[in-house]
Amino acid sequence: MDQDQTATPSLSRRGILAVAATALAAGAGVNWWRHRPQHLDDPSLQALWTASFEQPDGTNLKLADFQGKPLVLNFWATWCTPCVEEMPLLNAFFQENKAKSWQMIGLAIDQPSAVKRFLGQHPVEYAIGLAGLDGTELMKNLGNAAGGLPFTLVLNAQGEVQMRKLGKLTEADIRSWL
């Protein structure tokens, strides 16, 4: 073998490694950009912290009571299959982390009777608000312009957005909150 034949595979490997490293760096940058803390604008924050909803038991759920600690806000409906599928993951996260000051609210964009019936069969430990159409408007103010479900917003103790996700949560999404 002459020198040119042995150098070619080495250069090809280096080129492939360079492309892979660039792609990895770009992916890491995009991931950081998507998951960096973000402030909500003042009207959105005001709408969030002044909102209140009836709970299935008839008591009032005031979102202002949840300020100052990490908060997972999950918009869902009983008729939304991905919403129902992610609820056990959310409940497990809440059970494991409530002692670490994590809070969770599920806002049901649904009929109160359907939510009550659903929770009678599939109870969760975190707070549930009967949000209806008011919840849809709040969800849009918080960055879900399409109004799709499920939609999850994770806020840190300072009220900064740690994550916004439209669609079903995965275990990896939930682990990233910690």
C-alpha atoms as a PDB file:
ATOM      1  CA  MET A   1       0.000   0.000   0.000  1.00  0.00           C
ATOM      2  CA  ASP A   2       1.246   3.452  -0.762  1.00  0.00           C
ATOM      3  CA  GLN A   3       0.823   6.449   1.510  1.00  0.00           C
ATOM      4  CA  ASP A   4      -2.195   7.894  -0.311  1.00  0.00           C
ATOM      5  CA  GLN A   5      -4.238   4.721   0.191  1.00  0.00           C
ATOM      6  CA  THR A   6      -3.606   4.605   3.937  1.00  0.00           C
ATOM      7  CA  ALA A   7      -4.259   8.324   4.432  1.00  0.00           C
ATOM      8  CA  THR A   8      -7.665   8.314   2.730  1.00  0.00           C
ATOM      9  CA  PRO A   9      -9.520   6.172   5.326  1.00  0.00           C
ATOM     10  CA  SER A  10      -7.979   8.203   8.146  1.00  0.00           C
ATOM     11  CA  LEU A  11      -9.080  11.490   6.560  1.00  0.00           C
ATOM     12  CA  SER A  12     -12.558  10.069   5.971  1.00  0.00           C
ATOM     13  CA  ARG A  13     -12.841   9.031   9.595  1.00  0.00           C
ATOM     14  CA  ARG A  14     -11.676  12.440  10.748  1.00  0.00           C
ATOM     15  CA  GLY A  15     -14.208  14.090   8.450  1.00  0.00           C
ATOM     16  CA  ILE A  16     -17.018  11.913   9.749  1.00  0.00           C
ATOM     17  CA  LEU A  17     -15.978  12.612  13.333  1.00  0.00           C
ATOM     18  CA  ALA A  18     -15.885  16.352  12.617  1.00  0.00           C
ATOM     19  CA  VAL A  19     -19.378  16.262  11.121  1.00  0.00           C
ATOM     20  CA  ALA A  20     -20.644  14.185  14.063  1.00  0.00           C
ATOM     21  CA  ALA A  21     -19.094  16.572  16.589  1.00  0.00           C
ATOM     22  CA  THR A  22     -20.632  19.560  14.799  1.00  0.00           C
ATOM     23  CA  ALA A  23     -24.051  17.885  14.755  1.00  0.00           C
ATOM     24  CA  LEU A  24     -23.739  17.031  18.449  1.00  0.00           C
ATOM     25  CA  ALA A  25     -22.798  20.611  19.312  1.00  0.00           C
ATOM     26  CA  ALA A  26     -25.675  21.978  17.224  1.00  0.00           C
ATOM     27  CA  GLY A  27     -28.104  19.569  18.893  1.00  0.00           C
ATOM     28  CA  ALA A  28     -26.878  20.561  22.340  1.00  0.00           C
ATOM     29  CA  GLY A  29     -27.258  24.234  21.430  1.00  0.00           C
ATOM     30  CA  VAL A  30     -30.818  23.752  20.189  1.00  0.00           C
ATOM     31  CA  ASN A  31     -31.664  21.738  23.317  1.00  0.00           C
ATOM     32  CA  TRP A  32     -30.266  24.484  25.558  1.00  0.00           C
ATOM     33  CA  TRP A  33     -32.178  27.145  23.596  1.00  0.00           C
ATOM     34  CA  ARG A  34     -35.461  25.225  23.892  1.00  0.00           C
ATOM     35  CA  HIS A  35     -35.011  24.465  27.620  1.00  0.00           C
ATOM     36  CA  ARG A  36     -33.437  27.702  28.880  1.00  0.00           C
ATOM     37  CA  PRO A  37     -35.346  29.589  31.566  1.00  0.00           C
ATOM     38  CA  GLN A  38     -37.750  32.092  30.031  1.00  0.00           C
ATOM     39  CA  HIS A  39     -39.823  34.797  31.631  1.00  0.00           C
ATOM     40  CA  LEU A  40     -43.467  35.029  30.731  1.00  0.00           C
ATOM     41  CA  ASP A  41     -44.540  38.502  29.733  1.00  0.00           C
ATOM     42  CA  ASP A  42     -46.384  40.505  32.386  1.00  0.00           C
ATOM     43  CA  PRO A  43     -49.935  39.994  31.036  1.00  0.00           C
ATOM     44  CA  SER A  44     -49.382  36.238  30.806  1.00  0.00           C
ATOM     45  CA  LEU A  45     -47.998  36.082  34.338  1.00  0.00           C
ATOM     46  CA  GLN A  46     -50.846  38.197  35.619  1.00  0.00           C
ATOM     47  CA  ALA A  47     -53.376  35.922  33.902  1.00  0.00           C
ATOM     48  CA  LEU A  48     -51.657  32.872  35.390  1.00  0.00           C
ATOM     49  CA  TRP A  49     -51.363  34.056  38.978  1.00  0.00           C
ATOM     50  CA  THR A  50     -54.822  35.672  39.137  1.00  0.00           C
ATOM     51  CA  ALA A  51     -56.628  32.621  37.732  1.00  0.00           C
ATOM     52  CA  SER A  52     -58.727  30.413  39.962  1.00  0.00           C
ATOM     53  CA  PHE A  53     -60.789  27.346  39.193  1.00  0.00           C
ATOM     54  CA  GLU A  54     -63.257  25.145  40.971  1.00  0.00           C
ATOM     55  CA  GLN A  55     -61.904  21.749  42.014  1.00  0.00           C
ATOM     56  CA  PRO A  56     -63.867  18.509  41.652  1.00  0.00           C
ATOM     57  CA  ASP A  57     -64.705  18.617  45.386  1.00  0.00           C
ATOM     58  CA  GLY A  58     -66.196  22.121  45.008  1.00  0.00           C
ATOM     59  CA  THR A  59     -63.367  24.042  46.683  1.00  0.00           C
ATOM     60  CA  ASN A  60     -61.537  26.892  44.981  1.00  0.00           C
ATOM     61  CA  LEU A  61     -58.077  26.396  43.435  1.00  0.00           C
ATOM     62  CA  LYS A  62     -56.188  29.708  43.363  1.00  0.00           C
ATOM     63  CA  LEU A  63     -53.068  29.612  41.226  1.00  0.00           C
ATOM     64  CA  ALA A  64     -51.594  32.471  43.290  1.00  0.00           C
ATOM     65  CA  ASP A  65     -51.258  29.967  46.148  1.00  0.00           C
ATOM     66  CA  PHE A  66     -48.669  28.092  44.042  1.00  0.00           C
ATOM     67  CA  GLN A  67     -46.225  30.967  43.510  1.00  0.00           C
ATOM     68  CA  GLY A  68     -42.674  30.739  44.840  1.00  0.00           C
ATOM     69  CA  LYS A  69     -42.083  26.998  44.353  1.00  0.00           C
ATOM     70  CA  PRO A  70     -41.456  24.856  41.272  1.00  0.00           C
ATOM     71  CA  LEU A  71     -44.754  24.203  39.498  1.00  0.00           C
ATOM     72  CA  VAL A  72     -45.871  21.763  36.825  1.00  0.00           C
ATOM     73  CA  LEU A  73     -49.023  22.982  35.099  1.00  0.00           C
ATOM     74  CA  ASN A  74     -50.634  20.338  32.890  1.00  0.00           C
ATOM     75  CA  PHE A  75     -53.631  21.038  30.655  1.00  0.00           C
ATOM     76  CA  TRP A  76     -55.610  17.889  29.853  1.00  0.00           C
ATOM     77  CA  ALA A  77     -59.011  16.399  29.049  1.00  0.00           C
ATOM     78  CA  THR A  78     -60.670  13.055  29.719  1.00  0.00           C
ATOM     79  CA  TRP A  79     -61.256  12.511  25.976  1.00  0.00           C
ATOM     80  CA  CYS A  80     -57.576  13.137  25.124  1.00  0.00           C
ATOM     81  CA  THR A  81     -55.807   9.758  24.942  1.00  0.00           C
ATOM     82  CA  PRO A  82     -52.225  11.138  25.290  1.00  0.00           C
ATOM     83  CA  CYS A  83     -53.390  13.219  28.270  1.00  0.00           C
ATOM     84  CA  VAL A  84     -54.744  10.158  30.047  1.00  0.00           C
ATOM     85  CA  GLU A  85     -51.643   8.111  29.169  1.00  0.00           C
ATOM     86  CA  GLU A  86     -49.257  10.642  30.746  1.00  0.00           C
ATOM     87  CA  MET A  87     -51.198  11.080  33.990  1.00  0.00           C
ATOM     88  CA  PRO A  88     -49.576   8.103  35.781  1.00  0.00           C
ATOM     89  CA  LEU A  89     -46.123   9.583  34.974  1.00  0.00           C
ATOM     90  CA  LEU A  90     -47.193  12.971  36.314  1.00  0.00           C
ATOM     91  CA  ASN A  91     -48.674  11.429  39.448  1.00  0.00           C
ATOM     92  CA  ALA A  92     -45.512   9.386  40.085  1.00  0.00           C
ATOM     93  CA  PHE A  93     -43.345  12.504  39.652  1.00  0.00           C
ATOM     94  CA  PHE A  94     -45.541  14.407  42.091  1.00  0.00           C
ATOM     95  CA  GLN A  95     -45.483  11.615  44.687  1.00  0.00           C
ATOM     96  CA  GLU A  96     -41.682  11.393  44.483  1.00  0.00           C
ATOM     97  CA  ASN A  97     -41.020  15.147  44.554  1.00  0.00           C
ATOM     98  CA  LYS A  98     -43.722  16.872  46.594  1.00  0.00           C
ATOM     99  CA  ALA A  99     -41.461  16.680  49.672  1.00  0.00           C
ATOM    100  CA  LYS A 100     -38.870  18.627  47.613  1.00  0.00           C
ATOM    101  CA  SER A 101     -41.356  21.528  47.205  1.00  0.00           C
ATOM    102  CA  TRP A 102     -42.575  20.525  43.739  1.00  0.00           C
ATOM    103  CA  GLN A 103     -46.200  21.413  43.073  1.00  0.00           C
ATOM    104  CA  MET A 104     -48.489  20.168  40.331  1.00  0.00           C
ATOM    105  CA  ILE A 105     -51.802  21.278  38.927  1.00  0.00           C
ATOM    106  CA  GLY A 106     -53.848  19.526  36.268  1.00  0.00           C
ATOM    107  CA  LEU A 107     -56.259  21.902  34.542  1.00  0.00           C
ATOM    108  CA  ALA A 108     -59.055  19.988  32.870  1.00  0.00           C
ATOM    109  CA  ILE A 109     -60.315  21.486  29.620  1.00  0.00           C
ATOM    110  CA  ASP A 110     -63.442  19.390  29.870  1.00  0.00           C
ATOM    111  CA  GLN A 111     -66.954  19.088  31.280  1.00  0.00           C
ATOM    112  CA  PRO A 112     -66.947  18.996  35.110  1.00  0.00           C
ATOM    113  CA  SER A 113     -69.130  15.864  35.204  1.00  0.00           C
ATOM    114  CA  ALA A 114     -66.731  13.992  32.888  1.00  0.00           C
ATOM    115  CA  VAL A 115     -63.720  15.014  35.012  1.00  0.00           C
ATOM    116  CA  LYS A 116     -65.375  13.962  38.262  1.00  0.00           C
ATOM    117  CA  ARG A 117     -66.384  10.606  36.763  1.00  0.00           C
ATOM    118  CA  PHE A 118     -62.860  10.065  35.357  1.00  0.00           C
ATOM    119  CA  LEU A 119     -61.111  10.942  38.632  1.00  0.00           C
ATOM    120  CA  GLY A 120     -63.457   8.587  40.492  1.00  0.00           C
ATOM    121  CA  GLN A 121     -61.968   5.759  38.425  1.00  0.00           C
ATOM    122  CA  HIS A 122     -58.410   7.128  38.031  1.00  0.00           C
ATOM    123  CA  PRO A 123     -57.537   9.274  41.078  1.00  0.00           C
ATOM    124  CA  VAL A 124     -54.383  11.413  41.197  1.00  0.00           C
ATOM    125  CA  GLU A 125     -52.704  13.050  44.180  1.00  0.00           C
ATOM    126  CA  TYR A 126     -52.066  16.433  42.612  1.00  0.00           C
ATOM    127  CA  ALA A 127     -54.515  19.329  42.429  1.00  0.00           C
ATOM    128  CA  ILE A 128     -57.079  19.334  39.619  1.00  0.00           C
ATOM    129  CA  GLY A 129     -58.881  22.450  38.435  1.00  0.00           C
ATOM    130  CA  LEU A 130     -62.020  22.429  36.307  1.00  0.00           C
ATOM    131  CA  ALA A 131     -60.788  24.938  33.759  1.00  0.00           C
ATOM    132  CA  GLY A 132     -63.177  24.616  30.801  1.00  0.00           C
ATOM    133  CA  LEU A 133     -62.993  27.439  28.251  1.00  0.00           C
ATOM    134  CA  ASP A 134     -61.184  29.749  30.702  1.00  0.00           C
ATOM    135  CA  GLY A 135     -58.384  27.175  30.783  1.00  0.00           C
ATOM    136  CA  THR A 136     -58.148  27.218  26.987  1.00  0.00           C
ATOM    137  CA  GLU A 137     -57.591  30.972  27.019  1.00  0.00           C
ATOM    138  CA  LEU A 138     -55.003  30.679  29.803  1.00  0.00           C
ATOM    139  CA  MET A 139     -53.216  27.928  27.885  1.00  0.00           C
ATOM    140  CA  LYS A 140     -53.025  30.146  24.788  1.00  0.00           C
ATOM    141  CA  ASN A 141     -51.638  33.030  26.871  1.00  0.00           C
ATOM    142  CA  LEU A 142     -48.937  30.680  28.173  1.00  0.00           C
ATOM    143  CA  GLY A 143     -47.614  29.828  24.711  1.00  0.00           C
ATOM    144  CA  ASN A 144     -49.933  27.204  23.257  1.00  0.00           C
ATOM    145  CA  ALA A 145     -51.388  29.253  20.404  1.00  0.00           C
ATOM    146  CA  ALA A 146     -52.797  26.127  18.736  1.00  0.00           C
ATOM    147  CA  GLY A 147     -54.763  25.198  21.851  1.00  0.00           C
ATOM    148  CA  GLY A 148     -53.804  21.516  21.534  1.00  0.00           C
ATOM    149  CA  LEU A 149     -53.683  18.971  24.335  1.00  0.00           C
ATOM    150  CA  PRO A 150     -51.891  17.819  26.342  1.00  0.00           C
ATOM    151  CA  PHE A 151     -49.911  20.948  27.109  1.00  0.00           C
ATOM    152  CA  THR A 152     -47.442  21.160  29.992  1.00  0.00           C
ATOM    153  CA  LEU A 153     -45.657  24.160  31.424  1.00  0.00           C
ATOM    154  CA  VAL A 154     -42.918  23.806  34.047  1.00  0.00           C
ATOM    155  CA  LEU A 155     -42.031  26.902  36.071  1.00  0.00           C
ATOM    156  CA  ASN A 156     -39.146  27.274  38.497  1.00  0.00           C
ATOM    157  CA  ALA A 157     -39.548  28.942  41.899  1.00  0.00           C
ATOM    158  CA  GLN A 158     -38.876  32.354  40.315  1.00  0.00           C
ATOM    159  CA  GLY A 159     -41.724  31.924  37.823  1.00  0.00           C
ATOM    160  CA  GLU A 160     -39.419  31.320  34.851  1.00  0.00           C
ATOM    161  CA  VAL A 161     -40.499  28.816  32.217  1.00  0.00           C
ATOM    162  CA  GLN A 162     -38.235  25.764  32.405  1.00  0.00           C
ATOM    163  CA  MET A 163     -40.142  23.793  29.785  1.00  0.00           C
ATOM    164  CA  ARG A 164     -43.148  24.131  27.523  1.00  0.00           C
ATOM    165  CA  LYS A 165     -44.409  21.045  25.749  1.00  0.00           C
ATOM    166  CA  LEU A 166     -47.357  20.483  23.486  1.00  0.00           C
ATOM    167  CA  GLY A 167     -47.946  16.738  23.256  1.00  0.00           C
ATOM    168  CA  LYS A 168     -47.528  13.680  25.410  1.00  0.00           C
ATOM    169  CA  LEU A 169     -44.766  13.789  28.016  1.00  0.00           C
ATOM    170  CA  THR A 170     -42.111  11.099  28.160  1.00  0.00           C
ATOM    171  CA  GLU A 171     -40.119   9.845  31.131  1.00  0.00           C
ATOM    172  CA  ALA A 172     -37.093  11.697  29.689  1.00  0.00           C
ATOM    173  CA  ASP A 173     -39.074  14.974  29.654  1.00  0.00           C
ATOM    174  CA  ILE A 174     -40.014  14.510  33.289  1.00  0.00           C
ATOM    175  CA  ARG A 175     -36.455  13.567  34.349  1.00  0.00           C
ATOM    176  CA  SER A 176     -35.192  16.770  32.696  1.00  0.00           C
ATOM    177  CA  TRP A 177     -37.191  18.864  35.162  1.00  0.00           C
ATOM    178  CA  LEU A 178     -34.860  17.879  37.969  1.00  0.00           C
END
